[in-house]
Amino acid sequence: MPKKEKIEKEKRNLKRKIFSYYMQVEDDNTDEIIGYLADINMIGFRLDCKKEFPLDQNYSLRFDLTDEVAEKAFMVVVARSKWSQ
């Protein structure tokens, strides 16, 4: 008999906005592409990336914006990694 997978209950209280396209995200200090914005809400966001980031560290991230999102070409934020898988 196969093992049943434990399914965790969704713990988020805020609804996340899922993007129909991935927005590129770069390290603002090195200009390295680190991943793509997958979803976002009022208190956080998720990046899809190949590399794992140490937890509880701050990162300066640059989001390249499109005309549909804002009049500016990019936005820089300081973010802290809270979860990685």
N, C-alpha and C. Protein backbone atom coordinates (compact mmCIF):
# COMPACT_ATOMS: atom_id res chain seq x y z
N MET A 1 0.84 -1.18 0.00
CA MET A 1 0.00 0.00 0.00
C MET A 1 0.88 1.24 0.00
N PRO A 2 0.70 2.19 -0.94
CA PRO A 2 1.55 3.38 -0.99
C PRO A 2 1.30 4.30 0.19
N LYS A 3 2.37 5.01 0.57
CA LYS A 3 2.25 5.99 1.65
C LYS A 3 1.41 7.17 1.20
N LYS A 4 0.59 7.65 2.09
CA LYS A 4 -0.19 8.85 1.79
C LYS A 4 0.71 10.06 2.03
N GLU A 5 0.68 10.98 1.09
CA GLU A 5 1.45 12.21 1.26
C GLU A 5 0.69 13.13 2.20
N LYS A 6 1.46 13.72 3.10
CA LYS A 6 0.86 14.67 4.02
C LYS A 6 0.62 15.98 3.28
N ILE A 7 -0.61 16.44 3.25
CA ILE A 7 -0.96 17.68 2.57
C ILE A 7 -1.14 18.75 3.64
N GLU A 8 -0.29 19.79 3.54
CA GLU A 8 -0.37 20.88 4.50
C GLU A 8 -1.48 21.84 4.12
N LYS A 9 -2.18 22.31 5.13
CA LYS A 9 -3.23 23.30 4.92
C LYS A 9 -2.59 24.63 4.56
N GLU A 10 -3.17 25.33 3.62
CA GLU A 10 -2.68 26.64 3.21
C GLU A 10 -2.73 27.58 4.41
N LYS A 11 -1.58 28.20 4.74
CA LYS A 11 -1.48 29.05 5.92
C LYS A 11 -1.60 30.53 5.60
N ARG A 12 -1.63 30.88 4.34
CA ARG A 12 -1.70 32.29 3.96
C ARG A 12 -3.09 32.86 4.25
N ASN A 13 -3.09 34.07 4.77
CA ASN A 13 -4.35 34.77 5.01
C ASN A 13 -4.67 35.76 3.90
N LEU A 14 -3.64 36.18 3.17
CA LEU A 14 -3.82 37.16 2.11
C LEU A 14 -3.77 36.46 0.76
N LYS A 15 -4.65 36.86 -0.12
CA LYS A 15 -4.69 36.28 -1.45
C LYS A 15 -3.50 36.76 -2.27
N ARG A 16 -2.86 35.85 -2.99
CA ARG A 16 -1.71 36.20 -3.81
C ARG A 16 -2.15 36.45 -5.24
N LYS A 17 -1.48 37.40 -5.86
CA LYS A 17 -1.70 37.70 -7.28
C LYS A 17 -0.73 36.84 -8.08
N ILE A 18 -1.24 35.99 -8.93
CA ILE A 18 -0.40 35.15 -9.76
C ILE A 18 -0.25 35.83 -11.11
N PHE A 19 0.98 35.95 -11.57
CA PHE A 19 1.27 36.62 -12.82
C PHE A 19 1.10 35.68 -13.99
N SER A 20 0.63 36.22 -15.10
CA SER A 20 0.50 35.40 -16.31
C SER A 20 1.83 35.31 -17.04
N TYR A 21 2.79 36.12 -16.63
CA TYR A 21 4.15 36.06 -17.17
C TYR A 21 5.11 36.30 -16.02
N TYR A 22 6.31 35.81 -16.16
CA TYR A 22 7.30 36.00 -15.11
C TYR A 22 8.02 37.33 -15.31
N MET A 23 8.08 38.14 -14.28
CA MET A 23 8.81 39.39 -14.30
C MET A 23 10.25 39.10 -13.84
N GLN A 24 11.21 39.49 -14.65
CA GLN A 24 12.61 39.23 -14.35
C GLN A 24 13.06 40.02 -13.12
N VAL A 25 13.86 39.37 -12.25
CA VAL A 25 14.37 40.00 -11.05
C VAL A 25 15.89 39.84 -11.04
N GLU A 26 16.59 40.96 -10.80
CA GLU A 26 18.05 40.95 -10.80
C GLU A 26 18.58 41.40 -9.44
N ASP A 27 19.78 40.96 -9.11
CA ASP A 27 20.50 41.47 -7.95
C ASP A 27 20.96 42.87 -8.32
N ASP A 28 20.52 43.88 -7.59
CA ASP A 28 20.84 45.25 -7.96
C ASP A 28 22.32 45.58 -7.79
N ASN A 29 23.02 44.81 -6.96
CA ASN A 29 24.45 45.06 -6.75
C ASN A 29 25.33 44.45 -7.82
N THR A 30 24.90 43.30 -8.39
CA THR A 30 25.75 42.58 -9.33
C THR A 30 25.17 42.54 -10.75
N ASP A 31 23.93 42.96 -10.92
CA ASP A 31 23.20 42.87 -12.20
C ASP A 31 22.94 41.44 -12.65
N GLU A 32 23.16 40.47 -11.76
CA GLU A 32 22.92 39.06 -12.08
C GLU A 32 21.42 38.77 -12.04
N ILE A 33 20.91 38.07 -13.05
CA ILE A 33 19.52 37.64 -13.04
C ILE A 33 19.42 36.52 -12.01
N ILE A 34 18.55 36.73 -11.01
CA ILE A 34 18.44 35.71 -9.97
C ILE A 34 17.17 34.90 -10.08
N GLY A 35 16.18 35.39 -10.80
CA GLY A 35 14.95 34.64 -10.94
C GLY A 35 13.85 35.47 -11.54
N TYR A 36 12.64 34.97 -11.34
CA TYR A 36 11.45 35.60 -11.91
C TYR A 36 10.35 35.65 -10.86
N LEU A 37 9.64 36.76 -10.81
CA LEU A 37 8.54 36.93 -9.87
C LEU A 37 7.41 36.00 -10.26
N ALA A 38 7.02 35.14 -9.32
CA ALA A 38 5.97 34.16 -9.61
C ALA A 38 4.61 34.59 -9.06
N ASP A 39 4.59 35.11 -7.83
CA ASP A 39 3.35 35.65 -7.27
C ASP A 39 3.69 36.67 -6.18
N ILE A 40 2.69 37.44 -5.81
CA ILE A 40 2.93 38.55 -4.88
C ILE A 40 1.66 38.84 -4.09
N ASN A 41 1.83 39.35 -2.85
CA ASN A 41 0.70 39.87 -2.08
C ASN A 41 1.18 41.08 -1.29
N MET A 42 0.39 41.57 -0.36
CA MET A 42 0.72 42.80 0.36
C MET A 42 1.93 42.67 1.27
N ILE A 43 2.28 41.47 1.70
CA ILE A 43 3.40 41.33 2.64
C ILE A 43 4.56 40.49 2.11
N GLY A 44 4.49 40.04 0.88
CA GLY A 44 5.60 39.25 0.37
C GLY A 44 5.42 38.83 -1.07
N PHE A 45 6.42 38.14 -1.58
CA PHE A 45 6.36 37.63 -2.94
C PHE A 45 7.20 36.37 -3.04
N ARG A 46 7.00 35.65 -4.13
CA ARG A 46 7.75 34.41 -4.36
C ARG A 46 8.52 34.55 -5.66
N LEU A 47 9.78 34.16 -5.59
CA LEU A 47 10.62 34.13 -6.78
C LEU A 47 10.83 32.70 -7.21
N ASP A 48 10.79 32.46 -8.50
CA ASP A 48 11.23 31.18 -9.04
C ASP A 48 12.67 31.38 -9.45
N CYS A 49 13.56 30.60 -8.84
CA CYS A 49 14.97 30.73 -9.16
C CYS A 49 15.65 29.38 -8.97
N LYS A 50 16.78 29.22 -9.62
CA LYS A 50 17.50 27.95 -9.56
C LYS A 50 18.37 27.85 -8.32
N LYS A 51 18.84 28.97 -7.82
CA LYS A 51 19.75 28.95 -6.69
C LYS A 51 19.00 29.15 -5.39
N GLU A 52 19.48 28.50 -4.33
CA GLU A 52 18.87 28.67 -3.01
C GLU A 52 19.51 29.86 -2.32
N PHE A 53 18.73 30.62 -1.58
CA PHE A 53 19.24 31.77 -0.87
C PHE A 53 19.20 31.50 0.63
N PRO A 54 20.28 31.85 1.34
CA PRO A 54 20.27 31.68 2.80
C PRO A 54 19.11 32.47 3.41
N LEU A 55 18.51 31.91 4.44
CA LEU A 55 17.37 32.55 5.10
C LEU A 55 17.80 33.73 5.95
N ASP A 56 16.87 34.64 6.15
CA ASP A 56 17.03 35.82 7.01
C ASP A 56 18.19 36.72 6.59
N GLN A 57 18.42 36.83 5.29
CA GLN A 57 19.41 37.77 4.77
C GLN A 57 18.70 38.77 3.87
N ASN A 58 19.22 39.98 3.85
CA ASN A 58 18.64 41.02 3.00
C ASN A 58 19.28 41.01 1.62
N TYR A 59 18.47 41.30 0.61
CA TYR A 59 18.92 41.35 -0.77
C TYR A 59 18.35 42.61 -1.41
N SER A 60 19.16 43.26 -2.22
CA SER A 60 18.71 44.41 -3.00
C SER A 60 18.30 43.90 -4.37
N LEU A 61 17.01 43.92 -4.65
CA LEU A 61 16.47 43.32 -5.87
C LEU A 61 15.93 44.39 -6.81
N ARG A 62 16.20 44.21 -8.09
CA ARG A 62 15.69 45.13 -9.11
C ARG A 62 14.68 44.40 -9.98
N PHE A 63 13.49 44.97 -10.06
CA PHE A 63 12.43 44.42 -10.89
C PHE A 63 12.34 45.27 -12.16
N ASP A 64 12.53 44.65 -13.30
CA ASP A 64 12.34 45.36 -14.57
C ASP A 64 10.84 45.44 -14.84
N LEU A 65 10.35 46.66 -15.06
CA LEU A 65 8.92 46.89 -15.21
C LEU A 65 8.56 47.12 -16.68
N THR A 66 7.33 46.83 -17.00
CA THR A 66 6.83 47.09 -18.35
C THR A 66 5.91 48.31 -18.31
N ASP A 67 5.57 48.83 -19.45
CA ASP A 67 4.66 49.98 -19.55
C ASP A 67 3.30 49.66 -18.94
N GLU A 68 2.91 48.39 -18.98
CA GLU A 68 1.62 47.98 -18.43
C GLU A 68 1.58 48.07 -16.91
N VAL A 69 2.76 47.98 -16.28
CA VAL A 69 2.84 47.96 -14.82
C VAL A 69 3.11 49.35 -14.25
N ALA A 70 4.04 50.09 -14.86
CA ALA A 70 4.42 51.41 -14.33
C ALA A 70 5.07 52.24 -15.42
N GLU A 71 5.19 53.53 -15.14
CA GLU A 71 5.84 54.43 -16.09
C GLU A 71 7.36 54.36 -15.97
N LYS A 72 7.87 53.80 -14.88
CA LYS A 72 9.31 53.69 -14.66
C LYS A 72 9.83 52.39 -15.27
N ALA A 73 11.12 52.38 -15.59
CA ALA A 73 11.73 51.21 -16.23
C ALA A 73 12.02 50.08 -15.24
N PHE A 74 12.27 50.44 -13.97
CA PHE A 74 12.58 49.42 -12.97
C PHE A 74 12.23 49.92 -11.57
N MET A 75 12.25 49.00 -10.61
CA MET A 75 12.00 49.30 -9.21
C MET A 75 13.01 48.50 -8.39
N VAL A 76 13.62 49.12 -7.39
CA VAL A 76 14.56 48.42 -6.52
C VAL A 76 13.94 48.32 -5.13
N VAL A 77 13.98 47.11 -4.55
CA VAL A 77 13.48 46.88 -3.20
C VAL A 77 14.51 46.10 -2.42
N VAL A 78 14.48 46.30 -1.11
CA VAL A 78 15.29 45.47 -0.22
C VAL A 78 14.35 44.41 0.33
N ALA A 79 14.72 43.16 0.12
CA ALA A 79 13.87 42.04 0.54
C ALA A 79 14.67 41.10 1.44
N ARG A 80 13.95 40.44 2.34
CA ARG A 80 14.59 39.45 3.24
C ARG A 80 14.04 38.08 2.90
N SER A 81 14.93 37.14 2.73
CA SER A 81 14.52 35.76 2.41
C SER A 81 13.94 35.11 3.67
N LYS A 82 12.76 34.54 3.53
CA LYS A 82 12.06 33.92 4.66
C LYS A 82 11.78 32.43 4.47
N TRP A 83 11.87 31.96 3.23
CA TRP A 83 11.53 30.57 2.94
C TRP A 83 12.22 30.17 1.65
N SER A 84 12.65 28.93 1.59
CA SER A 84 13.30 28.44 0.37
C SER A 84 13.03 26.94 0.23
N GLN A 85 12.78 26.53 -0.99
CA GLN A 85 12.56 25.11 -1.24
C GLN A 85 13.09 24.77 -2.58
